[in-house]
Amino acid sequence: MASRLRELVGRAMIDPDFVIELQQRPETVLARYELSDDEREAILAALVRLTRTPPRQREQALRSVLLRRLAT
């Protein structure tokens, strides 16, 4: 399943529209990926934390969180 997480993170790195969609409709986007419960929860938690990040910094912050998650 890690390969699906890598795919999601890779797409988030290069596709700003994907990042916007992930922020706006996370359940819909995550349903396209075979993620473990732990991976899904980590991404959803990161999205919740992003609501406290200034809008102009959210895309970069999300990418950073996703990369850290992939590295662990």
Protein backbone atom coordinates (compact mmCIF):
# COMPACT_ATOMS: atom_id res chain seq x y z
CA MET A 1 0.00 0.00 0.00
CA ALA A 2 2.94 2.31 0.45
CA SER A 3 3.16 2.62 -3.33
CA ARG A 4 -0.33 4.14 -3.39
CA LEU A 5 0.72 6.65 -0.74
CA ARG A 6 3.80 7.44 -2.83
CA GLU A 7 1.55 7.96 -5.84
CA LEU A 8 -0.69 10.34 -3.89
CA VAL A 9 2.29 12.30 -2.53
CA GLY A 10 3.94 12.42 -5.94
CA ARG A 11 0.82 13.81 -7.53
CA ALA A 12 0.45 16.38 -4.77
CA MET A 13 4.02 17.51 -5.48
CA ILE A 14 3.35 18.30 -9.14
CA ASP A 15 -0.38 18.99 -9.49
CA PRO A 16 -1.72 22.10 -7.73
CA ASP A 17 -5.28 21.29 -8.85
CA PHE A 18 -5.01 17.91 -7.14
CA VAL A 19 -3.93 19.59 -3.90
CA ILE A 20 -6.95 21.90 -4.07
CA GLU A 21 -9.26 18.96 -4.71
CA LEU A 22 -7.68 17.03 -1.82
CA GLN A 23 -8.31 19.97 0.50
CA GLN A 24 -11.89 20.49 -0.69
CA ARG A 25 -13.02 16.86 -1.04
CA PRO A 26 -10.58 14.68 0.90
CA GLU A 27 -12.83 11.64 1.28
CA THR A 28 -13.56 11.56 -2.46
CA VAL A 29 -9.89 11.86 -3.37
CA LEU A 30 -8.66 9.38 -0.76
CA ALA A 31 -11.23 6.82 -1.91
CA ARG A 32 -9.25 6.56 -5.18
CA TYR A 33 -6.20 5.27 -3.30
CA GLU A 34 -5.73 2.01 -1.43
CA LEU A 35 -4.40 3.44 1.82
CA SER A 36 -4.13 1.84 5.21
CA ASP A 37 -6.34 3.25 7.94
CA ASP A 38 -3.24 4.79 9.50
CA GLU A 39 -2.23 6.49 6.24
CA ARG A 40 -5.74 7.80 5.65
CA GLU A 41 -6.03 9.13 9.21
CA ALA A 42 -2.63 10.82 8.97
CA ILE A 43 -3.62 12.62 5.78
CA LEU A 44 -6.99 13.67 7.19
CA ALA A 45 -5.30 14.93 10.37
CA ALA A 46 -2.85 16.93 8.27
CA LEU A 47 -5.73 18.49 6.35
CA VAL A 48 -7.40 19.51 9.62
CA ARG A 49 -4.17 21.12 10.84
CA LEU A 50 -3.96 23.06 7.58
CA THR A 51 -7.08 25.01 8.48
CA ARG A 52 -4.85 26.88 10.96
CA THR A 53 -2.29 27.67 8.22
CA PRO A 54 -2.63 30.89 6.20
CA PRO A 55 -4.29 30.09 2.85
CA ARG A 56 -1.27 31.08 0.77
CA GLN A 57 0.93 28.65 2.69
CA ARG A 58 -1.40 25.66 2.72
CA GLU A 59 -0.28 23.98 -0.49
CA GLN A 60 3.38 23.97 0.58
CA ALA A 61 2.49 22.93 4.13
CA LEU A 62 0.45 19.99 2.86
CA ARG A 63 3.27 18.87 0.60
CA SER A 64 5.70 19.02 3.53
CA VAL A 65 3.41 16.94 5.74
CA LEU A 66 2.87 14.37 3.02
CA LEU A 67 6.59 14.03 2.37
CA ARG A 68 7.28 13.56 6.08
CA ARG A 69 4.56 10.89 6.23
CA LEU A 70 6.02 9.07 3.26
CA ALA A 71 9.48 9.15 4.83
CA THR A 72 8.31 7.39 8.01
